[in-house]
C-alpha atoms as a PDB file:
ATOM      1  CA  MET A   1      66.300 109.056  79.147  1.00  0.00           C
ATOM      2  CA  ILE A   2      67.637 110.376  82.453  1.00  0.00           C
ATOM      3  CA  ALA A   3      65.539 107.841  84.352  1.00  0.00           C
ATOM      4  CA  GLN A   4      66.859 105.020  82.174  1.00  0.00           C
ATOM      5  CA  LEU A   5      70.425 106.177  82.715  1.00  0.00           C
ATOM      6  CA  ALA A   6      69.894 106.368  86.469  1.00  0.00           C
ATOM      7  CA  LEU A   7      68.423 102.866  86.494  1.00  0.00           C
ATOM      8  CA  ALA A   8      71.357 101.542  84.503  1.00  0.00           C
ATOM      9  CA  LEU A   9      73.777 103.123  86.965  1.00  0.00           C
ATOM     10  CA  VAL A  10      71.968 101.625  89.944  1.00  0.00           C
ATOM     11  CA  CYS A  11      71.963  98.204  88.288  1.00  0.00           C
ATOM     12  CA  LEU A  12      75.681  98.534  87.652  1.00  0.00           C
ATOM     13  CA  VAL A  13      76.368  99.435  91.251  1.00  0.00           C
ATOM     14  CA  ALA A  14      74.138  96.572  92.399  1.00  0.00           C
ATOM     15  CA  ALA A  15      76.301  94.198  90.409  1.00  0.00           C
ATOM     16  CA  TRP A  16      79.579  95.736  91.475  1.00  0.00           C
ATOM     17  CA  MET A  17      79.322  97.165  94.950  1.00  0.00           C
ATOM     18  CA  PRO A  18      78.357  94.157  97.098  1.00  0.00           C
ATOM     19  CA  PHE A  19      81.807  92.583  96.828  1.00  0.00           C
ATOM     20  CA  LEU A  20      83.290  95.805  98.173  1.00  0.00           C
ATOM     21  CA  CYS A  21      81.207  95.687 101.325  1.00  0.00           C
ATOM     22  CA  LEU A  22      81.912  92.145 102.446  1.00  0.00           C
ATOM     23  CA  SER A  23      85.647  92.101 102.070  1.00  0.00           C
ATOM     24  CA  PRO A  24      86.413  88.768 103.756  1.00  0.00           C
ATOM     25  CA  LEU A  25      84.094  87.151 101.231  1.00  0.00           C
ATOM     26  CA  LYS A  26      84.914  89.677  98.604  1.00  0.00           C
ATOM     27  CA  GLY A  27      83.784  88.743  95.108  1.00  0.00           C
ATOM     28  CA  TRP A  28      80.748  88.116  92.990  1.00  0.00           C
ATOM     29  CA  SER A  29      80.000  85.787  90.118  1.00  0.00           C
ATOM     30  CA  TRP A  30      77.609  85.665  87.220  1.00  0.00           C
ATOM     31  CA  SER A  31      77.560  81.869  87.543  1.00  0.00           C
ATOM     32  CA  ARG A  32      74.134  80.370  88.193  1.00  0.00           C
ATOM     33  CA  THR A  33      75.708  77.755  90.435  1.00  0.00           C
ATOM     34  CA  LEU A  34      77.163  80.173  92.969  1.00  0.00           C
ATOM     35  CA  CYS A  35      73.935  81.517  93.154  1.00  0.00           C
ATOM     36  CA  SER A  36      79.604  93.209 124.563  1.00  0.00           C
ATOM     37  CA  TRP A  37      83.045  92.466 125.108  1.00  0.00           C
ATOM     38  CA  ARG A  38      86.149  94.559 125.767  1.00  0.00           C
ATOM     39  CA  LEU A  39      89.585  93.790 124.370  1.00  0.00           C
ATOM     40  CA  LYS A  40      92.631  94.355 126.547  1.00  0.00           C
ATOM     41  CA  PHE A  41      95.952  95.162 124.934  1.00  0.00           C
ATOM     42  CA  PRO A  42      98.856  93.693 126.877  1.00  0.00           C
ATOM     43  CA  THR A  43     102.313  93.213 125.424  1.00  0.00           C
ATOM     44  CA  LEU A  44     102.260  91.333 122.129  1.00  0.00           C
ATOM     45  CA  SER A  45     104.402  88.244 121.711  1.00  0.00           C
ATOM     46  CA  PHE A  46     105.274  86.551 118.390  1.00  0.00           C
ATOM     47  CA  SER A  47     105.349  83.181 119.276  1.00  0.00           C
ATOM     48  CA  SER A  48      90.259  70.439  92.991  1.00  0.00           C
ATOM     49  CA  HIS A  49      88.430  72.594  90.972  1.00  0.00           C
ATOM     50  CA  LYS A  50      89.850  74.035  87.744  1.00  0.00           C
ATOM     51  CA  HIS A  51      89.431  77.741  87.151  1.00  0.00           C
ATOM     52  CA  ARG A  52      90.131  80.099  84.316  1.00  0.00           C
ATOM     53  CA  GLU A  53      93.618  81.440  83.717  1.00  0.00           C
ATOM     54  CA  ILE A  54      94.658  84.069  86.195  1.00  0.00           C
ATOM     55  CA  SER A  55      97.741  86.228  86.416  1.00  0.00           C
ATOM     56  CA  SER A  56      99.553  85.166  89.563  1.00  0.00           C
ATOM     57  CA  GLU A  57     103.075  84.693  90.802  1.00  0.00           C
ATOM     58  CA  SER A  58     102.005  83.028  94.018  1.00  0.00           C
ATOM     59  CA  VAL A  59     100.671  79.554  93.333  1.00  0.00           C
ATOM     60  CA  SER A  60     103.582  77.383  94.379  1.00  0.00           C
ATOM     61  CA  ARG A  61     103.721  74.812  97.136  1.00  0.00           C
ATOM     62  CA  PRO A  62     107.048  75.053  99.016  1.00  0.00           C
ATOM     63  CA  TRP A  63     107.242  76.430 102.536  1.00  0.00           C
ATOM     64  CA  LEU A  64     106.924  80.152 102.961  1.00  0.00           C
ATOM     65  CA  THR A  65     109.925  82.128 101.793  1.00  0.00           C
ATOM     66  CA  ALA A  66     110.414  85.187  99.649  1.00  0.00           C
ATOM     67  CA  THR A  67     110.862  82.877  96.667  1.00  0.00           C
ATOM     68  CA  THR A  68     107.597  81.104  97.427  1.00  0.00           C
ATOM     69  CA  PHE A  69     105.523  84.214  96.803  1.00  0.00           C
ATOM     70  CA  GLY A  70     107.822  85.967  94.366  1.00  0.00           C
ATOM     71  CA  GLY A  71     108.071  88.989  96.645  1.00  0.00           C
ATOM     72  CA  GLN A  72     110.166  90.456  99.420  1.00  0.00           C
ATOM     73  CA  CYS A  73     110.573  88.732 102.748  1.00  0.00           C
ATOM     74  CA  CYS A  74     111.308  90.254 106.132  1.00  0.00           C
ATOM     75  CA  THR A  75     113.566  87.836 107.998  1.00  0.00           C
ATOM     76  CA  HIS A  76     114.135  89.511 111.363  1.00  0.00           C
ATOM     77  CA  ALA A  77     111.568  90.035 114.082  1.00  0.00           C
ATOM     78  CA  HIS A  78     112.967  93.466 114.959  1.00  0.00           C
ATOM     79  CA  HIS A  79     112.166  94.595 111.402  1.00  0.00           C
ATOM     80  CA  GLU A  80     108.445  94.191 112.054  1.00  0.00           C
ATOM     81  CA  GLN A  81     107.681  97.834 111.317  1.00  0.00           C
ATOM     82  CA  GLU A  82     109.546  97.578 108.027  1.00  0.00           C
ATOM     83  CA  CYS A  83     107.549  94.621 106.769  1.00  0.00           C
ATOM     84  CA  SER A  84     104.168  95.436 108.295  1.00  0.00           C
ATOM     85  CA  GLU A  85     102.419  98.780 108.382  1.00  0.00           C
ATOM     86  CA  LEU A  86      99.762  97.303 110.665  1.00  0.00           C
ATOM     87  CA  ASN A  87     100.499  97.510 114.373  1.00  0.00           C
ATOM     88  CA  GLU A  88      98.849  97.529 117.784  1.00  0.00           C
ATOM     89  CA  ASP A  89      97.317 100.945 117.127  1.00  0.00           C
ATOM     90  CA  ASP A  90      95.398  99.469 114.188  1.00  0.00           C
ATOM     91  CA  LEU A  91      94.238  96.655 116.433  1.00  0.00           C
ATOM     92  CA  LYS A  92      92.923  99.197 118.932  1.00  0.00           C
ATOM     93  CA  VAL A  93      90.990 100.921 116.158  1.00  0.00           C
ATOM     94  CA  LEU A  94      89.274  97.652 115.298  1.00  0.00           C
ATOM     95  CA  ALA A  95      88.483  97.092 118.975  1.00  0.00           C
ATOM     96  CA  SER A  96      86.916 100.562 119.181  1.00  0.00           C
ATOM     97  CA  HIS A  97      84.697  99.689 116.220  1.00  0.00           C
ATOM     98  CA  ILE A  98      83.634  96.455 117.886  1.00  0.00           C
ATOM     99  CA  ASP A  99      82.959  98.163 121.212  1.00  0.00           C
ATOM    100  CA  GLU A 100      81.301 101.133 119.474  1.00  0.00           C
ATOM    101  CA  THR A 101      83.588 103.518 121.345  1.00  0.00           C
ATOM    102  CA  ASP A 102      85.090 105.161 118.253  1.00  0.00           C
ATOM    103  CA  GLY A 103      83.016 108.340 118.562  1.00  0.00           C
ATOM    104  CA  SER A 104      81.437 107.901 115.132  1.00  0.00           C
ATOM    105  CA  PRO A 105      77.732 108.285 114.254  1.00  0.00           C
ATOM    106  CA  PRO A 106      75.412 105.429 115.297  1.00  0.00           C
ATOM    107  CA  TRP A 107      74.855 102.518 112.955  1.00  0.00           C
ATOM    108  CA  LYS A 108      71.619 102.255 110.954  1.00  0.00           C
ATOM    109  CA  LEU A 109      70.216  98.834 110.122  1.00  0.00           C
ATOM    110  CA  MET A 110      70.263  98.165 106.396  1.00  0.00           C
ATOM    111  CA  MET A 111      69.123  94.532 106.134  1.00  0.00           C
ATOM    112  CA  GLU A 112      68.869  91.204 107.915  1.00  0.00           C
ATOM    113  CA  HIS A 113      68.309  87.773 106.388  1.00  0.00           C
ATOM    114  CA  SER A 114      68.812  84.148 107.309  1.00  0.00           C
ATOM    115  CA  THR A 115      68.800  80.585 106.013  1.00  0.00           C
ATOM    116  CA  PRO A 116      69.023  77.352 108.034  1.00  0.00           C
ATOM    117  CA  THR A 117      72.840  77.607 107.998  1.00  0.00           C
ATOM    118  CA  LEU A 118      73.466  81.342 107.676  1.00  0.00           C
ATOM    119  CA  THR A 119      72.484  84.512 109.545  1.00  0.00           C
ATOM    120  CA  TYR A 120      73.313  87.908 108.078  1.00  0.00           C
ATOM    121  CA  GLN A 121      72.846  91.491 109.278  1.00  0.00           C
ATOM    122  CA  ALA A 122      74.202  94.708 107.772  1.00  0.00           C
ATOM    123  CA  TRP A 123      74.388  98.289 109.028  1.00  0.00           C
ATOM    124  CA  TYR A 124      75.749 101.522 107.596  1.00  0.00           C
ATOM    125  CA  ARG A 125      76.672 105.020 108.723  1.00  0.00           C
ATOM    126  CA  ASP A 126      77.768 108.182 106.952  1.00  0.00           C
ATOM    127  CA  PRO A 127      80.656 110.036 108.602  1.00  0.00           C
ATOM    128  CA  PRO A 128      81.024 113.780 107.975  1.00  0.00           C
ATOM    129  CA  LEU A 129      83.822 113.073 105.509  1.00  0.00           C
ATOM    130  CA  GLY A 130      84.726 110.061 103.440  1.00  0.00           C
ATOM    131  CA  PRO A 131      82.751 107.125 102.083  1.00  0.00           C
ATOM    132  CA  THR A 132      79.874 105.303 103.732  1.00  0.00           C
ATOM    133  CA  GLN A 133      81.021 102.814 106.353  1.00  0.00           C
ATOM    134  CA  TYR A 134      79.514  99.332 106.619  1.00  0.00           C
ATOM    135  CA  ARG A 135      79.242  96.881 109.478  1.00  0.00           C
ATOM    136  CA  THR A 136      78.074  93.307 108.957  1.00  0.00           C
ATOM    137  CA  ARG A 137      77.506  90.380 111.261  1.00  0.00           C
ATOM    138  CA  THR A 138      77.447  86.928 109.696  1.00  0.00           C
ATOM    139  CA  VAL A 139      77.019  83.642 111.549  1.00  0.00           C
ATOM    140  CA  PHE A 140      78.018  80.482 109.686  1.00  0.00           C
ATOM    141  CA  GLU A 141      76.661  77.206 111.033  1.00  0.00           C
ATOM    142  CA  ASN A 142      78.936  74.138 111.034  1.00  0.00           C
ATOM    143  CA  VAL A 143      82.054  76.172 110.225  1.00  0.00           C
ATOM    144  CA  SER A 144      85.078  76.668 112.480  1.00  0.00           C
ATOM    145  CA  PRO A 145      86.820  80.026 113.018  1.00  0.00           C
ATOM    146  CA  GLU A 146      90.044  78.536 111.641  1.00  0.00           C
ATOM    147  CA  LEU A 147      88.390  77.548 108.368  1.00  0.00           C
ATOM    148  CA  LEU A 148      86.938  81.033 107.961  1.00  0.00           C
ATOM    149  CA  ARG A 149      90.297  82.610 108.763  1.00  0.00           C
ATOM    150  CA  ASN A 150      92.010  80.554 106.074  1.00  0.00           C
ATOM    151  CA  PHE A 151      89.211  81.071 103.546  1.00  0.00           C
ATOM    152  CA  PHE A 152      89.325  84.846 103.817  1.00  0.00           C
ATOM    153  CA  TRP A 153      93.125  84.859 103.391  1.00  0.00           C
ATOM    154  CA  ASP A 154      93.329  82.333 100.547  1.00  0.00           C
ATOM    155  CA  ASP A 155      93.957  84.263  97.327  1.00  0.00           C
ATOM    156  CA  GLU A 156      94.917  81.020  95.608  1.00  0.00           C
ATOM    157  CA  PHE A 157      91.417  79.600  96.062  1.00  0.00           C
ATOM    158  CA  ARG A 158      89.570  82.880  95.570  1.00  0.00           C
ATOM    159  CA  PRO A 159      89.361  82.774  91.738  1.00  0.00           C
ATOM    160  CA  GLN A 160      87.234  79.641  91.991  1.00  0.00           C
ATOM    161  CA  TRP A 161      84.370  81.709  93.379  1.00  0.00           C
ATOM    162  CA  ASP A 162      85.402  85.306  92.601  1.00  0.00           C
ATOM    163  CA  ASN A 163      85.610  85.831  88.851  1.00  0.00           C
ATOM    164  CA  THR A 164      86.439  89.526  89.198  1.00  0.00           C
ATOM    165  CA  LEU A 165      89.971  88.767  90.371  1.00  0.00           C
ATOM    166  CA  ILE A 166      92.131  88.797  87.244  1.00  0.00           C
ATOM    167  CA  HIS A 167      95.505  89.304  88.924  1.00  0.00           C
ATOM    168  CA  PHE A 168      96.912  88.639  92.369  1.00  0.00           C
ATOM    169  CA  LYS A 169     100.452  88.755  93.608  1.00  0.00           C
ATOM    170  CA  THR A 170     102.066  88.735  97.028  1.00  0.00           C
ATOM    171  CA  LEU A 171     104.498  91.630  97.198  1.00  0.00           C
ATOM    172  CA  ARG A 172     105.901  91.165 100.689  1.00  0.00           C
ATOM    173  CA  VAL A 173     105.639  88.682 103.565  1.00  0.00           C
ATOM    174  CA  CYS A 174     106.899  88.605 107.139  1.00  0.00           C
ATOM    175  CA  PRO A 175     107.377  85.085 108.563  1.00  0.00           C
ATOM    176  CA  GLN A 176     107.605  86.494 112.097  1.00  0.00           C
ATOM    177  CA  THR A 177     104.252  88.317 112.158  1.00  0.00           C
ATOM    178  CA  GLY A 178     102.431  86.694 109.250  1.00  0.00           C
ATOM    179  CA  SER A 179     101.780  90.090 107.681  1.00  0.00           C
ATOM    180  CA  MET A 180     101.423  90.279 103.908  1.00  0.00           C
ATOM    181  CA  THR A 181     101.255  92.988 101.287  1.00  0.00           C
ATOM    182  CA  VAL A 182      99.235  91.876  98.266  1.00  0.00           C
ATOM    183  CA  HIS A 183      98.430  93.345  94.874  1.00  0.00           C
ATOM    184  CA  TRP A 184      95.016  92.765  93.315  1.00  0.00           C
ATOM    185  CA  ILE A 185      93.446  93.804  90.037  1.00  0.00           C
ATOM    186  CA  ARG A 186      89.720  93.297  89.607  1.00  0.00           C
ATOM    187  CA  LYS A 187      87.758  93.298  86.387  1.00  0.00           C
ATOM    188  CA  LEU A 188      84.485  95.156  86.766  1.00  0.00           C
ATOM    189  CA  PRO A 189      81.371  94.853  84.584  1.00  0.00           C
ATOM    190  CA  LEU A 190      80.130  97.031  81.754  1.00  0.00           C
ATOM    191  CA  PHE A 191      81.820 100.400  81.273  1.00  0.00           C
ATOM    192  CA  CYS A 192      83.736 100.516  84.572  1.00  0.00           C
ATOM    193  CA  SER A 193      87.511 100.379  84.400  1.00  0.00           C
ATOM    194  CA  ASP A 194      89.431  97.757  86.342  1.00  0.00           C
ATOM    195  CA  ARG A 195      90.288  98.516  89.956  1.00  0.00           C
ATOM    196  CA  GLU A 196      93.705  98.057  91.513  1.00  0.00           C
ATOM    197  CA  TYR A 197      94.420  97.441  95.194  1.00  0.00           C
ATOM    198  CA  VAL A 198      97.647  97.308  97.185  1.00  0.00           C
ATOM    199  CA  ILE A 199      96.633  95.895 100.560  1.00  0.00           C
ATOM    200  CA  THR A 200      98.582  95.153 103.704  1.00  0.00           C
ATOM    201  CA  ARG A 201      97.031  92.613 106.058  1.00  0.00           C
ATOM    202  CA  ARG A 202      97.771  90.859 109.313  1.00  0.00           C
ATOM    203  CA  ILE A 203      96.054  88.617 111.881  1.00  0.00           C
ATOM    204  CA  TRP A 204      96.063  88.860 115.667  1.00  0.00           C
ATOM    205  CA  GLU A 205      94.860  85.986 117.832  1.00  0.00           C
ATOM    206  CA  SER A 206      93.487  85.875 121.375  1.00  0.00           C
ATOM    207  CA  ALA A 207      91.308  83.572 123.421  1.00  0.00           C
ATOM    208  CA  SER A 208      88.263  85.357 121.997  1.00  0.00           C
ATOM    209  CA  GLY A 209      89.127  84.686 118.365  1.00  0.00           C
ATOM    210  CA  TYR A 210      90.942  86.181 115.392  1.00  0.00           C
ATOM    211  CA  TYR A 211      91.337  89.859 114.529  1.00  0.00           C
ATOM    212  CA  CYS A 212      91.999  90.158 110.802  1.00  0.00           C
ATOM    213  CA  LEU A 213      93.079  93.599 109.613  1.00  0.00           C
ATOM    214  CA  SER A 214      93.607  94.856 106.088  1.00  0.00           C
ATOM    215  CA  LYS A 215      93.928  98.296 104.574  1.00  0.00           C
ATOM    216  CA  GLY A 216      95.293 100.055 101.535  1.00  0.00           C
ATOM    217  CA  THR A 217      98.954 100.991 101.622  1.00  0.00           C
ATOM    218  CA  PRO A 218     101.358 102.965  99.411  1.00  0.00           C
ATOM    219  CA  TYR A 219     103.783 100.812  97.455  1.00  0.00           C
ATOM    220  CA  PRO A 220     106.218 102.874  95.325  1.00  0.00           C
ATOM    221  CA  PRO A 221     107.603  99.881  93.364  1.00  0.00           C
ATOM    222  CA  ILE A 222     104.188  99.655  91.658  1.00  0.00           C
ATOM    223  CA  PRO A 223     103.646 103.085  90.090  1.00  0.00           C
ATOM    224  CA  ARG A 224     100.175 104.551  89.801  1.00  0.00           C
ATOM    225  CA  SER A 225      98.514 104.504  86.381  1.00  0.00           C
ATOM    226  CA  LYS A 226      95.238 105.746  84.910  1.00  0.00           C
ATOM    227  CA  ARG A 227      94.100 102.207  84.218  1.00  0.00           C
ATOM    228  CA  PRO A 228      93.497 100.252  86.280  1.00  0.00           C
ATOM    229  CA  ARG A 229      92.278 102.867  88.722  1.00  0.00           C
ATOM    230  CA  ARG A 230      93.878 102.448  92.133  1.00  0.00           C
ATOM    231  CA  VAL A 231      91.697 102.440  95.259  1.00  0.00           C
ATOM    232  CA  ASP A 232      93.672 104.231  97.974  1.00  0.00           C
ATOM    233  CA  ASN A 233      91.107 104.750 100.728  1.00  0.00           C
ATOM    234  CA  TYR A 234      90.476 101.121 101.641  1.00  0.00           C
ATOM    235  CA  TYR A 235      89.816  99.617 105.066  1.00  0.00           C
ATOM    236  CA  SER A 236      88.424  96.177 105.803  1.00  0.00           C
ATOM    237  CA  SER A 237      88.852  94.410 109.137  1.00  0.00           C
ATOM    238  CA  TRP A 238      86.931  91.721 110.938  1.00  0.00           C
ATOM    239  CA  HIS A 239      86.716  89.623 114.083  1.00  0.00           C
ATOM    240  CA  ILE A 240      86.060  85.882 113.918  1.00  0.00           C
ATOM    241  CA  LYS A 241      84.915  83.974 116.963  1.00  0.00           C
ATOM    242  CA  SER A 242      83.169  80.764 117.889  1.00  0.00           C
ATOM    243  CA  VAL A 243      79.514  81.081 118.944  1.00  0.00           C
ATOM    244  CA  LYS A 244      76.780  78.681 119.973  1.00  0.00           C
ATOM    245  CA  PRO A 245      75.049  76.986 117.042  1.00  0.00           C
ATOM    246  CA  ARG A 246      71.514  78.078 116.301  1.00  0.00           C
ATOM    247  CA  ASN A 247      69.979  74.725 117.211  1.00  0.00           C
ATOM    248  CA  GLY A 248      71.994  74.464 120.424  1.00  0.00           C
ATOM    249  CA  GLU A 249      73.412  71.027 119.629  1.00  0.00           C
ATOM    250  CA  GLN A 250      76.656  70.590 121.535  1.00  0.00           C
ATOM    251  CA  HIS A 251      78.336  68.398 118.934  1.00  0.00           C
ATOM    252  CA  LYS A 252      78.008  71.109 116.271  1.00  0.00           C
ATOM    253  CA  MET A 253      79.732  74.458 115.872  1.00  0.00           C
ATOM    254  CA  ALA A 254      79.095  77.948 114.536  1.00  0.00           C
ATOM    255  CA  SER A 255      81.275  80.982 113.908  1.00  0.00           C
ATOM    256  CA  GLU A 256      80.546  84.696 113.818  1.00  0.00           C
ATOM    257  CA  VAL A 257      82.281  87.234 111.600  1.00  0.00           C
ATOM    258  CA  LEU A 258      81.903  90.894 112.536  1.00  0.00           C
ATOM    259  CA  LEU A 259      83.159  93.027 109.646  1.00  0.00           C
ATOM    260  CA  PHE A 260      83.906  96.740 109.299  1.00  0.00           C
ATOM    261  CA  HIS A 261      84.516  98.031 105.788  1.00  0.00           C
ATOM    262  CA  HIS A 262      84.793 101.230 103.804  1.00  0.00           C
ATOM    263  CA  GLU A 263      86.503 102.394 100.657  1.00  0.00           C
ATOM    264  CA  ASP A 264      86.309 105.353  98.326  1.00  0.00           C
ATOM    265  CA  ILE A 265      85.315 104.170  94.853  1.00  0.00           C
ATOM    266  CA  GLY A 266      84.429 107.574  93.454  1.00  0.00           C
ATOM    267  CA  LEU A 267      80.629 107.210  93.358  1.00  0.00           C
ATOM    268  CA  PRO A 268      77.968 109.152  95.310  1.00  0.00           C
ATOM    269  CA  ARG A 269      77.046 107.661  98.671  1.00  0.00           C
ATOM    270  CA  GLU A 270      73.347 107.227  97.920  1.00  0.00           C
ATOM    271  CA  VAL A 271      74.000 105.477  94.619  1.00  0.00           C
ATOM    272  CA  VAL A 272      76.348 103.070  96.356  1.00  0.00           C
ATOM    273  CA  LYS A 273      73.846 102.339  99.122  1.00  0.00           C
ATOM    274  CA  MET A 274      71.100 101.612  96.585  1.00  0.00           C
ATOM    275  CA  GLY A 275      73.378  99.103  94.930  1.00  0.00           C
ATOM    276  CA  VAL A 276      74.271  97.479  98.239  1.00  0.00           C
ATOM    277  CA  ARG A 277      70.619  97.129  99.224  1.00  0.00           C
ATOM    278  CA  ALA A 278      69.756  95.637  95.850  1.00  0.00           C
ATOM    279  CA  GLY A 279      72.523  93.092  95.564  1.00  0.00           C
ATOM    280  CA  MET A 280      74.140  92.278  98.884  1.00  0.00           C
ATOM    281  CA  TRP A 281      71.990  89.389 100.121  1.00  0.00           C
ATOM    282  CA  SER A 282      72.250  87.515  96.815  1.00  0.00           C
ATOM    283  CA  LEU A 283      76.002  87.935  96.985  1.00  0.00           C
ATOM    284  CA  VAL A 284      76.191  86.658 100.551  1.00  0.00           C
ATOM    285  CA  LYS A 285      74.320  83.488  99.589  1.00  0.00           C
ATOM    286  CA  ARG A 286      76.606  82.877  96.616  1.00  0.00           C
ATOM    287  CA  LEU A 287      79.687  83.430  98.718  1.00  0.00           C
ATOM    288  CA  HIS A 288      78.370  81.087 101.383  1.00  0.00           C
ATOM    289  CA  LEU A 289      78.259  78.421  98.710  1.00  0.00           C
ATOM    290  CA  GLY A 290      81.874  79.255  97.871  1.00  0.00           C
ATOM    291  CA  LEU A 291      82.778  78.690 101.513  1.00  0.00           C
ATOM    292  CA  GLN A 292      81.026  75.315 101.459  1.00  0.00           C
ATOM    293  CA  ILE A 293      83.020  74.327  98.373  1.00  0.00           C
ATOM    294  CA  TYR A 294      86.202  75.393 100.146  1.00  0.00           C
ATOM    295  CA  GLN A 295      85.263  73.359 103.209  1.00  0.00           C
ATOM    296  CA  MET A 296      84.614  70.236 101.145  1.00  0.00           C
ATOM    297  CA  ALA A 297      87.853  70.706  99.217  1.00  0.00           C
ATOM    298  CA  LYS A 298      89.854  70.896 102.444  1.00  0.00           C
ATOM    299  CA  GLU A 299      88.130  67.825 103.839  1.00  0.00           C
ATOM    300  CA  ASN A 300      89.031  65.855 100.710  1.00  0.00           C
ATOM    301  CA  ASP A 301      92.535  67.289 100.332  1.00  0.00           C
ATOM    302  CA  GLY A 302      94.174  68.348 103.565  1.00  0.00           C
ATOM    303  CA  SER A 303      97.105  70.202 101.979  1.00  0.00           C
ATOM    304  CA  PRO A 304      96.724  73.949 102.655  1.00  0.00           C
ATOM    305  CA  SER A 305      97.735  76.650 100.211  1.00  0.00           C
ATOM    306  CA  ASN A 306     100.611  78.989 100.971  1.00  0.00           C
ATOM    307  CA  TYR A 307      98.059  81.663 101.818  1.00  0.00           C
ATOM    308  CA  ALA A 308      96.322  79.435 104.326  1.00  0.00           C
ATOM    309  CA  LEU A 309      99.706  78.665 105.850  1.00  0.00           C
ATOM    310  CA  MET A 310     100.347  82.392 106.213  1.00  0.00           C
ATOM    311  CA  ALA A 311      96.970  82.762 107.936  1.00  0.00           C
ATOM    312  CA  ASN A 312      98.268  80.406 110.623  1.00  0.00           C
ATOM    313  CA  ILE A 313     101.090  82.827 111.493  1.00  0.00           C
ATOM    314  CA  THR A 314      99.358  85.184 113.892  1.00  0.00           C
ATOM    315  CA  THR A 315     100.398  87.715 116.494  1.00  0.00           C
ATOM    316  CA  LYS A 316      99.339  86.367 119.873  1.00  0.00           C
ATOM    317  CA  ILE A 317      97.638  88.625 122.386  1.00  0.00           C
ATOM    318  CA  LYS A 318      98.466  87.490 125.909  1.00  0.00           C
ATOM    319  CA  ASN A 319      95.468  87.444 128.231  1.00  0.00           C
END
């Protein structure tokens, strides 16, 4: 009986945990069809598929204002700190992860897989305190960094390939920095309660690509409740850059996403890692198909969502 219970728990985690460890492509689906550089930190300058019903207050088409997203809007550049809890210090933390100068334990290889159009590698490490940390490197053939940037930010499109997302709302936007605070509720399988996230996110841009940062943030206007259970310790940030395509053809492109992710979901580390090993690669392949659908949709209909428009508002890093 104990062995059966343990197996059931591992299977549950295998179904649930992968979407937590690939945040830019966060989501999973039961559908059969979706089967060394150094960063310098100078002064920053601000320069049709139908899906099921989803609770959202953010699927309108006008230009970006507070009314557009149904949330608050910061309208003055000098109020950056008020409307974004992500700053240059957070950017430096991401750079230290990329450079492996953060003083943390070394990474251990967890898996590596590839297809003709996708290369995927994943590592993990266990810090003395807190949840397991994950690092992934994914190379997408024939995909531009800009498309990936928009795809990862696009909550409006996400329900078409992520059927765990049952509610999304933009709480706050800053037109000067492009930062957003978003509220998500995810429906999890079997006996797990729903999970709630309040996430602040922002994009920096330099000649070497895009630095996309997101982490959990307090938000008093949304009080904590027993259900859904709120995930407080949440960090997910990634770097997107253009790389040479695998076949070396000059007229084609490829993009690399280097992701760093951790969050405390209240399960033992080893159970979580078993689930990640069991289910991650299948998830990555399904999510790659979601990206291909997104790419085709944008080629057929050039109008971007409000979320994709926000992804275009970045903080420039002067070289």
